[in-house]
PDB file of N, CA and C in Angstrom:
ATOM      1  N   UNK A   1       0.849  -1.168   0.000  1.00  0.00           N
ATOM      2  CA  UNK A   1       0.000   0.000   0.000  1.00  0.00           C
ATOM      3  C   UNK A   1       0.893   1.228   0.000  1.00  0.00           C
ATOM      4  N   UNK A   2       0.488   2.222  -0.754  1.00  0.00           N
ATOM      5  CA  UNK A   2       1.199   3.479  -0.831  1.00  0.00           C
ATOM      6  C   UNK A   2       0.303   4.569  -0.247  1.00  0.00           C
ATOM      7  N   UNK A   3       0.897   5.500   0.535  1.00  0.00           N
ATOM      8  CA  UNK A   3       0.084   6.514   1.190  1.00  0.00           C
ATOM      9  C   UNK A   3       0.716   7.894   1.025  1.00  0.00           C
ATOM     10  N   UNK A   4      -0.147   8.886   0.835  1.00  0.00           N
ATOM     11  CA  UNK A   4       0.258  10.283   0.784  1.00  0.00           C
ATOM     12  C   UNK A   4      -0.519  11.013   1.860  1.00  0.00           C
ATOM     13  N   UNK A   5       0.171  11.798   2.706  1.00  0.00           N
ATOM     14  CA  UNK A   5      -0.470  12.566   3.770  1.00  0.00           C
ATOM     15  C   UNK A   5      -0.142  14.033   3.561  1.00  0.00           C
ATOM     16  N   UNK A   6      -1.179  14.861   3.514  1.00  0.00           N
ATOM     17  CA  UNK A   6      -1.007  16.304   3.395  1.00  0.00           C
ATOM     18  C   UNK A   6      -1.637  16.915   4.635  1.00  0.00           C
ATOM     19  N   UNK A   7      -0.816  17.541   5.478  1.00  0.00           N
ATOM     20  CA  UNK A   7      -1.307  18.128   6.722  1.00  0.00           C
ATOM     21  C   UNK A   7      -1.467  19.638   6.577  1.00  0.00           C
ATOM     22  N   UNK A   8      -2.393  20.192   7.361  1.00  0.00           N
ATOM     23  CA  UNK A   8      -2.631  21.639   7.442  1.00  0.00           C
ATOM     24  C   UNK A   8      -2.973  22.246   6.078  1.00  0.00           C
ATOM     25  N   UNK A   9      -3.748  21.534   5.307  1.00  0.00           N
ATOM     26  CA  UNK A   9      -4.178  22.017   3.996  1.00  0.00           C
ATOM     27  C   UNK A   9      -5.407  22.885   4.176  1.00  0.00           C
ATOM     28  N   UNK A  10      -5.393  24.079   3.616  1.00  0.00           N
ATOM     29  CA  UNK A  10      -6.550  24.964   3.715  1.00  0.00           C
ATOM     30  C   UNK A  10      -7.706  24.359   2.930  1.00  0.00           C
ATOM     31  N   UNK A  11      -8.879  24.424   3.514  1.00  0.00           N
ATOM     32  CA  UNK A  11     -10.058  23.865   2.857  1.00  0.00           C
ATOM     33  C   UNK A  11     -10.301  24.536   1.513  1.00  0.00           C
ATOM     34  N   UNK A  12      -9.900  25.777   1.378  1.00  0.00           N
ATOM     35  CA  UNK A  12     -10.077  26.474   0.103  1.00  0.00           C
ATOM     36  C   UNK A  12      -9.185  25.900  -0.997  1.00  0.00           C
ATOM     37  N   UNK A  13      -8.132  25.148  -0.610  1.00  0.00           N
ATOM     38  CA  UNK A  13      -7.247  24.519  -1.593  1.00  0.00           C
ATOM     39  C   UNK A  13      -7.718  23.133  -2.011  1.00  0.00           C
ATOM     40  N   UNK A  14      -8.741  22.628  -1.366  1.00  0.00           N
ATOM     41  CA  UNK A  14      -9.291  21.320  -1.719  1.00  0.00           C
ATOM     42  C   UNK A  14     -10.048  21.412  -3.037  1.00  0.00           C
ATOM     43  N   UNK A  15     -10.156  20.308  -3.763  1.00  0.00           N
ATOM     44  CA  UNK A  15     -11.052  20.312  -4.913  1.00  0.00           C
ATOM     45  C   UNK A  15     -12.464  20.649  -4.433  1.00  0.00           C
ATOM     46  N   UNK A  16     -13.216  21.427  -5.181  1.00  0.00           N
ATOM     47  CA  UNK A  16     -14.541  21.866  -4.732  1.00  0.00           C
ATOM     48  C   UNK A  16     -15.467  20.710  -4.318  1.00  0.00           C
ATOM     49  N   UNK A  17     -15.388  19.594  -5.024  1.00  0.00           N
ATOM     50  CA  UNK A  17     -16.245  18.451  -4.680  1.00  0.00           C
ATOM     51  C   UNK A  17     -15.915  17.902  -3.294  1.00  0.00           C
ATOM     52  N   UNK A  18     -14.631  17.879  -2.954  1.00  0.00           N
ATOM     53  CA  UNK A  18     -14.214  17.381  -1.651  1.00  0.00           C
ATOM     54  C   UNK A  18     -14.691  18.317  -0.550  1.00  0.00           C
ATOM     55  N   UNK A  19     -14.471  19.614  -0.750  1.00  0.00           N
ATOM     56  CA  UNK A  19     -14.877  20.590   0.267  1.00  0.00           C
ATOM     57  C   UNK A  19     -16.379  20.522   0.506  1.00  0.00           C
ATOM     58  N   UNK A  20     -17.134  20.378  -0.561  1.00  0.00           N
ATOM     59  CA  UNK A  20     -18.597  20.295  -0.433  1.00  0.00           C
ATOM     60  C   UNK A  20     -18.986  19.031   0.329  1.00  0.00           C
ATOM     61  N   UNK A  21     -18.343  17.929   0.005  1.00  0.00           N
ATOM     62  CA  UNK A  21     -18.667  16.660   0.677  1.00  0.00           C
ATOM     63  C   UNK A  21     -18.297  16.698   2.156  1.00  0.00           C
ATOM     64  N   UNK A  22     -17.174  17.345   2.488  1.00  0.00           N
ATOM     65  CA  UNK A  22     -16.734  17.433   3.879  1.00  0.00           C
ATOM     66  C   UNK A  22     -17.453  18.526   4.662  1.00  0.00           C
ATOM     67  N   UNK A  23     -18.108  19.434   3.954  1.00  0.00           N
ATOM     68  CA  UNK A  23     -18.821  20.550   4.565  1.00  0.00           C
ATOM     69  C   UNK A  23     -17.886  21.379   5.458  1.00  0.00           C
ATOM     70  N   UNK A  24     -16.766  21.801   4.881  1.00  0.00           N
ATOM     71  CA  UNK A  24     -15.797  22.611   5.622  1.00  0.00           C
ATOM     72  C   UNK A  24     -15.887  24.066   5.178  1.00  0.00           C
ATOM     73  N   UNK A  25     -15.485  24.947   6.078  1.00  0.00           N
ATOM     74  CA  UNK A  25     -15.422  26.371   5.759  1.00  0.00           C
ATOM     75  C   UNK A  25     -14.091  26.655   5.062  1.00  0.00           C
ATOM     76  N   UNK A  26     -14.035  27.672   4.188  1.00  0.00           N
ATOM     77  CA  UNK A  26     -12.802  27.968   3.446  1.00  0.00           C
ATOM     78  C   UNK A  26     -11.583  28.241   4.331  1.00  0.00           C
ATOM     79  N   UNK A  27     -11.751  28.780   5.529  1.00  0.00           N
ATOM     80  CA  UNK A  27     -10.626  29.089   6.399  1.00  0.00           C
ATOM     81  C   UNK A  27     -10.116  27.906   7.212  1.00  0.00           C
ATOM     82  N   UNK A  28     -10.874  26.831   7.248  1.00  0.00           N
ATOM     83  CA  UNK A  28     -10.458  25.656   8.034  1.00  0.00           C
ATOM     84  C   UNK A  28      -9.266  24.972   7.394  1.00  0.00           C
ATOM     85  N   UNK A  29      -8.504  24.248   8.221  1.00  0.00           N
ATOM     86  CA  UNK A  29      -7.431  23.397   7.698  1.00  0.00           C
ATOM     87  C   UNK A  29      -7.811  21.952   7.921  1.00  0.00           C
ATOM     88  N   UNK A  30      -7.340  21.107   7.024  1.00  0.00           N
ATOM     89  CA  UNK A  30      -7.651  19.678   7.094  1.00  0.00           C
ATOM     90  C   UNK A  30      -6.387  18.874   6.851  1.00  0.00           C
ATOM     91  N   UNK A  31      -6.451  17.619   7.206  1.00  0.00           N
ATOM     92  CA  UNK A  31      -5.383  16.672   6.895  1.00  0.00           C
ATOM     93  C   UNK A  31      -5.964  15.661   5.918  1.00  0.00           C
ATOM     94  N   UNK A  32      -5.279  15.477   4.814  1.00  0.00           N
ATOM     95  CA  UNK A  32      -5.752  14.578   3.763  1.00  0.00           C
ATOM     96  C   UNK A  32      -4.857  13.343   3.739  1.00  0.00           C
ATOM     97  N   UNK A  33      -5.478  12.175   3.814  1.00  0.00           N
ATOM     98  CA  UNK A  33      -4.771  10.892   3.680  1.00  0.00           C
ATOM     99  C   UNK A  33      -5.258  10.243   2.393  1.00  0.00           C
ATOM    100  N   UNK A  34      -4.343   9.937   1.504  1.00  0.00           N
ATOM    101  CA  UNK A  34      -4.696   9.250   0.262  1.00  0.00           C
ATOM    102  C   UNK A  34      -3.942   7.932   0.255  1.00  0.00           C
ATOM    103  N   UNK A  35      -4.666   6.835   0.245  1.00  0.00           N
ATOM    104  CA  UNK A  35      -4.060   5.506   0.237  1.00  0.00           C
ATOM    105  C   UNK A  35      -4.395   4.816  -1.068  1.00  0.00           C
ATOM    106  N   UNK A  36      -3.386   4.168  -1.634  1.00  0.00           N
ATOM    107  CA  UNK A  36      -3.587   3.431  -2.862  1.00  0.00           C
ATOM    108  C   UNK A  36      -3.316   1.960  -2.573  1.00  0.00           C
ATOM    109  N   UNK A  37      -4.299   1.128  -2.826  1.00  0.00           N
ATOM    110  CA  UNK A  37      -4.153  -0.300  -2.597  1.00  0.00           C
ATOM    111  C   UNK A  37      -3.871  -0.994  -3.915  1.00  0.00           C
ATOM    112  N   UNK A  38      -3.017  -1.979  -3.860  1.00  0.00           N
ATOM    113  CA  UNK A  38      -2.671  -2.762  -5.039  1.00  0.00           C
ATOM    114  C   UNK A  38      -3.226  -4.163  -4.853  1.00  0.00           C
ATOM    115  N   UNK A  39      -4.158  -4.532  -5.689  1.00  0.00           N
ATOM    116  CA  UNK A  39      -4.760  -5.855  -5.560  1.00  0.00           C
ATOM    117  C   UNK A  39      -3.921  -6.926  -6.241  1.00  0.00           C
ATOM    118  N   UNK A  40      -3.167  -6.540  -7.259  1.00  0.00           N
ATOM    119  CA  UNK A  40      -2.295  -7.489  -7.935  1.00  0.00           C
ATOM    120  C   UNK A  40      -0.999  -6.786  -8.299  1.00  0.00           C
ATOM    121  N   UNK A  41       0.092  -7.530  -8.438  1.00  0.00           N
ATOM    122  CA  UNK A  41       1.372  -6.907  -8.780  1.00  0.00           C
ATOM    123  C   UNK A  41       1.289  -6.184 -10.124  1.00  0.00           C
ATOM    124  N   UNK A  42       2.067  -5.146 -10.250  1.00  0.00           N
ATOM    125  CA  UNK A  42       2.082  -4.388 -11.499  1.00  0.00           C
ATOM    126  C   UNK A  42       2.552  -5.280 -12.642  1.00  0.00           C
ATOM    127  N   UNK A  43       1.875  -5.214 -13.760  1.00  0.00           N
ATOM    128  CA  UNK A  43       2.200  -6.050 -14.898  1.00  0.00           C
ATOM    129  C   UNK A  43       3.604  -5.763 -15.432  1.00  0.00           C
ATOM    130  N   UNK A  44       4.034  -4.486 -15.384  1.00  0.00           N
ATOM    131  CA  UNK A  44       5.362  -4.142 -15.876  1.00  0.00           C
ATOM    132  C   UNK A  44       6.451  -4.867 -15.085  1.00  0.00           C
ATOM    133  N   UNK A  45       6.287  -4.942 -13.764  1.00  0.00           N
ATOM    134  CA  UNK A  45       7.289  -5.600 -12.924  1.00  0.00           C
ATOM    135  C   UNK A  45       7.359  -7.086 -13.239  1.00  0.00           C
ATOM    136  N   UNK A  46       6.208  -7.711 -13.414  1.00  0.00           N
ATOM    137  CA  UNK A  46       6.196  -9.137 -13.726  1.00  0.00           C
ATOM    138  C   UNK A  46       6.834  -9.409 -15.081  1.00  0.00           C
ATOM    139  N   UNK A  47       6.527  -8.608 -16.070  1.00  0.00           N
ATOM    140  CA  UNK A  47       7.068  -8.867 -17.395  1.00  0.00           C
ATOM    141  C   UNK A  47       8.582  -8.682 -17.415  1.00  0.00           C
ATOM    142  N   UNK A  48       9.100  -7.720 -16.630  1.00  0.00           N
ATOM    143  CA  UNK A  48      10.543  -7.519 -16.592  1.00  0.00           C
ATOM    144  C   UNK A  48      11.238  -8.702 -15.936  1.00  0.00           C
ATOM    145  N   UNK A  49      10.774  -9.138 -14.798  1.00  0.00           N
ATOM    146  CA  UNK A  49      11.476 -10.186 -14.068  1.00  0.00           C
ATOM    147  C   UNK A  49      11.307 -11.557 -14.698  1.00  0.00           C
ATOM    148  N   UNK A  50      10.293 -11.760 -15.471  1.00  0.00           N
ATOM    149  CA  UNK A  50      10.092 -13.090 -16.033  1.00  0.00           C
ATOM    150  C   UNK A  50      10.365 -13.173 -17.523  1.00  0.00           C
ATOM    151  N   UNK A  51      10.157 -12.084 -18.263  1.00  0.00           N
ATOM    152  CA  UNK A  51      10.272 -12.149 -19.712  1.00  0.00           C
ATOM    153  C   UNK A  51      11.587 -11.618 -20.269  1.00  0.00           C
ATOM    154  N   UNK A  52      12.312 -10.839 -19.497  1.00  0.00           N
ATOM    155  CA  UNK A  52      13.538 -10.246 -20.002  1.00  0.00           C
ATOM    156  C   UNK A  52      14.658 -11.282 -19.985  1.00  0.00           C
ATOM    157  N   UNK A  53      15.222 -11.633 -21.149  1.00  0.00           N
ATOM    158  CA  UNK A  53      16.262 -12.677 -21.187  1.00  0.00           C
ATOM    159  C   UNK A  53      17.557 -12.260 -20.490  1.00  0.00           C
ATOM    160  N   UNK A  54      17.778 -10.945 -20.280  1.00  0.00           N
ATOM    161  CA  UNK A  54      19.003 -10.504 -19.621  1.00  0.00           C
ATOM    162  C   UNK A  54      18.914 -10.602 -18.102  1.00  0.00           C
ATOM    163  N   UNK A  55      17.722 -10.785 -17.570  1.00  0.00           N
ATOM    164  CA  UNK A  55      17.558 -10.844 -16.119  1.00  0.00           C
ATOM    165  C   UNK A  55      18.231 -12.104 -15.572  1.00  0.00           C
ATOM    166  N   UNK A  56      19.144 -11.932 -14.639  1.00  0.00           N
ATOM    167  CA  UNK A  56      19.830 -13.074 -14.028  1.00  0.00           C
ATOM    168  C   UNK A  56      20.939 -13.658 -14.874  1.00  0.00           C
ATOM    169  N   UNK A  57      21.425 -12.900 -15.849  1.00  0.00           N
ATOM    170  CA  UNK A  57      22.416 -13.438 -16.773  1.00  0.00           C
ATOM    171  C   UNK A  57      23.725 -13.841 -16.074  1.00  0.00           C
ATOM    172  N   UNK A  58      24.078 -13.161 -14.961  1.00  0.00           N
ATOM    173  CA  UNK A  58      25.314 -13.454 -14.241  1.00  0.00           C
ATOM    174  C   UNK A  58      25.094 -14.399 -13.066  1.00  0.00           C
ATOM    175  N   UNK A  59      23.912 -14.898 -12.873  1.00  0.00           N
ATOM    176  CA  UNK A  59      23.558 -15.708 -11.709  1.00  0.00           C
ATOM    177  C   UNK A  59      24.464 -16.932 -11.537  1.00  0.00           C
ATOM    178  N   UNK A  60      24.756 -17.643 -12.604  1.00  0.00           N
ATOM    179  CA  UNK A  60      25.519 -18.884 -12.499  1.00  0.00           C
ATOM    180  C   UNK A  60      26.992 -18.737 -12.891  1.00  0.00           C
ATOM    181  N   UNK A  61      27.473 -17.525 -13.052  1.00  0.00           N
ATOM    182  CA  UNK A  61      28.856 -17.300 -13.445  1.00  0.00           C
ATOM    183  C   UNK A  61      29.761 -17.561 -12.243  1.00  0.00           C
ATOM    184  N   UNK A  62      30.655 -18.535 -12.355  1.00  0.00           N
ATOM    185  CA  UNK A  62      31.452 -19.003 -11.211  1.00  0.00           C
ATOM    186  C   UNK A  62      32.364 -17.934 -10.621  1.00  0.00           C
ATOM    187  N   UNK A  63      32.804 -16.972 -11.417  1.00  0.00           N
ATOM    188  CA  UNK A  63      33.726 -15.959 -10.905  1.00  0.00           C
ATOM    189  C   UNK A  63      33.037 -14.890 -10.060  1.00  0.00           C
ATOM    190  N   UNK A  64      31.718 -14.849 -10.057  1.00  0.00           N
ATOM    191  CA  UNK A  64      31.020 -13.819  -9.291  1.00  0.00           C
ATOM    192  C   UNK A  64      30.506 -14.327  -7.955  1.00  0.00           C
ATOM    193  N   UNK A  65      30.974 -15.462  -7.488  1.00  0.00           N
ATOM    194  CA  UNK A  65      30.543 -15.925  -6.168  1.00  0.00           C
ATOM    195  C   UNK A  65      31.035 -14.968  -5.085  1.00  0.00           C
ATOM    196  N   UNK A  66      32.254 -14.411  -5.251  1.00  0.00           N
ATOM    197  CA  UNK A  66      32.750 -13.355  -4.363  1.00  0.00           C
ATOM    198  C   UNK A  66      32.710 -12.060  -5.170  1.00  0.00           C
ATOM    199  N   UNK A  67      31.604 -11.338  -5.064  1.00  0.00           N
ATOM    200  CA  UNK A  67      31.369 -10.161  -5.904  1.00  0.00           C
ATOM    201  C   UNK A  67      32.418  -9.084  -5.683  1.00  0.00           C
ATOM    202  N   UNK A  68      32.788  -8.822  -4.434  1.00  0.00           N
ATOM    203  CA  UNK A  68      33.767  -7.767  -4.145  1.00  0.00           C
ATOM    204  C   UNK A  68      35.114  -8.071  -4.805  1.00  0.00           C
ATOM    205  N   UNK A  69      35.565  -9.310  -4.716  1.00  0.00           N
ATOM    206  CA  UNK A  69      36.843  -9.682  -5.339  1.00  0.00           C
ATOM    207  C   UNK A  69      36.756  -9.590  -6.858  1.00  0.00           C
ATOM    208  N   UNK A  70      35.629  -9.986  -7.415  1.00  0.00           N
ATOM    209  CA  UNK A  70      35.434  -9.917  -8.860  1.00  0.00           C
ATOM    210  C   UNK A  70      35.530  -8.471  -9.349  1.00  0.00           C
ATOM    211  N   UNK A  71      34.882  -7.565  -8.634  1.00  0.00           N
ATOM    212  CA  UNK A  71      34.893  -6.156  -9.038  1.00  0.00           C
ATOM    213  C   UNK A  71      36.286  -5.559  -8.860  1.00  0.00           C
ATOM    214  N   UNK A  72      36.991  -5.936  -7.788  1.00  0.00           N
ATOM    215  CA  UNK A  72      38.361  -5.440  -7.600  1.00  0.00           C
ATOM    216  C   UNK A  72      39.238  -5.858  -8.779  1.00  0.00           C
ATOM    217  N   UNK A  73      39.094  -7.113  -9.228  1.00  0.00           N
ATOM    218  CA  UNK A  73      39.879  -7.580 -10.374  1.00  0.00           C
ATOM    219  C   UNK A  73      39.516  -6.799 -11.635  1.00  0.00           C
ATOM    220  N   UNK A  74      38.239  -6.526 -11.833  1.00  0.00           N
ATOM    221  CA  UNK A  74      37.829  -5.757 -13.009  1.00  0.00           C
ATOM    222  C   UNK A  74      38.412  -4.354 -12.993  1.00  0.00           C
ATOM    223  N   UNK A  75      38.479  -3.766 -11.824  1.00  0.00           N
ATOM    224  CA  UNK A  75      38.942  -2.388 -11.703  1.00  0.00           C
ATOM    225  C   UNK A  75      40.455  -2.257 -11.644  1.00  0.00           C
ATOM    226  N   UNK A  76      41.149  -3.356 -11.413  1.00  0.00           N
ATOM    227  CA  UNK A  76      42.616  -3.298 -11.318  1.00  0.00           C
ATOM    228  C   UNK A  76      43.196  -2.933 -12.682  1.00  0.00           C
ATOM    229  N   UNK A  77      44.231  -2.095 -12.693  1.00  0.00           N
ATOM    230  CA  UNK A  77      44.846  -1.733 -13.975  1.00  0.00           C
ATOM    231  C   UNK A  77      45.585  -2.936 -14.571  1.00  0.00           C
ATOM    232  N   UNK A  78      45.753  -2.930 -15.871  1.00  0.00           N
ATOM    233  CA  UNK A  78      46.452  -4.032 -16.541  1.00  0.00           C
ATOM    234  C   UNK A  78      47.959  -3.993 -16.301  1.00  0.00           C
ATOM    235  N   UNK A  79      48.465  -2.820 -16.045  1.00  0.00           N
ATOM    236  CA  UNK A  79      49.906  -2.677 -15.875  1.00  0.00           C
ATOM    237  C   UNK A  79      50.218  -1.932 -14.581  1.00  0.00           C
ATOM    238  N   UNK A  80      51.325  -2.262 -13.979  1.00  0.00           N
ATOM    239  CA  UNK A  80      51.811  -1.565 -12.785  1.00  0.00           C
ATOM    240  C   UNK A  80      52.330  -0.194 -13.203  1.00  0.00           C
ATOM    241  N   UNK A  81      52.622   0.667 -12.218  1.00  0.00           N
ATOM    242  CA  UNK A  81      53.134   2.012 -12.541  1.00  0.00           C
ATOM    243  C   UNK A  81      54.480   1.972 -13.253  1.00  0.00           C
ATOM    244  N   UNK A  82      55.265   0.912 -12.995  1.00  0.00           N
ATOM    245  CA  UNK A  82      56.568   0.821 -13.639  1.00  0.00           C
ATOM    246  C   UNK A  82      56.485   0.252 -15.052  1.00  0.00           C
ATOM    247  N   UNK A  83      55.285  -0.067 -15.530  1.00  0.00           N
ATOM    248  CA  UNK A  83      55.111  -0.572 -16.877  1.00  0.00           C
ATOM    249  C   UNK A  83      55.048  -2.092 -16.975  1.00  0.00           C
ATOM    250  N   UNK A  84      55.312  -2.788 -15.852  1.00  0.00           N
ATOM    251  CA  UNK A  84      55.258  -4.250 -15.896  1.00  0.00           C
ATOM    252  C   UNK A  84      53.801  -4.701 -15.897  1.00  0.00           C
ATOM    253  N   UNK A  85      53.575  -5.873 -16.443  1.00  0.00           N
ATOM    254  CA  UNK A  85      52.222  -6.421 -16.563  1.00  0.00           C
ATOM    255  C   UNK A  85      51.691  -6.840 -15.195  1.00  0.00           C
ATOM    256  N   UNK A  86      50.457  -6.515 -14.909  1.00  0.00           N
ATOM    257  CA  UNK A  86      49.807  -6.874 -13.645  1.00  0.00           C
ATOM    258  C   UNK A  86      49.330  -8.325 -13.754  1.00  0.00           C
ATOM    259  N   UNK A  87      49.852  -9.204 -12.914  1.00  0.00           N
ATOM    260  CA  UNK A  87      49.467 -10.629 -12.915  1.00  0.00           C
ATOM    261  C   UNK A  87      48.355 -10.861 -11.911  1.00  0.00           C
ATOM    262  N   UNK A  88      47.456 -11.778 -12.189  1.00  0.00           N
ATOM    263  CA  UNK A  88      46.392 -12.148 -11.242  1.00  0.00           C
ATOM    264  C   UNK A  88      46.884 -13.094 -10.187  1.00  0.00           C
TER     265      UNK A  88
END
């Protein structure tokens, strides 16, 4: 559920239909709570996680079991400062 709360809103700033339904005076302040309920997951999210062939492409790659070490190796320069080749 997603919620939006607006506090100390002047009744004159409400949509006219809301103010009429609440029977408030223009000088009054109100607190508005707007809640959005989701009865089913968003279709876009489902299609991305299940239909996109790139999703999970690195999941079974043996070198990424230790992600931090893998990234350090990727970021390491190919050569040392003295020009010699950097060995793994």
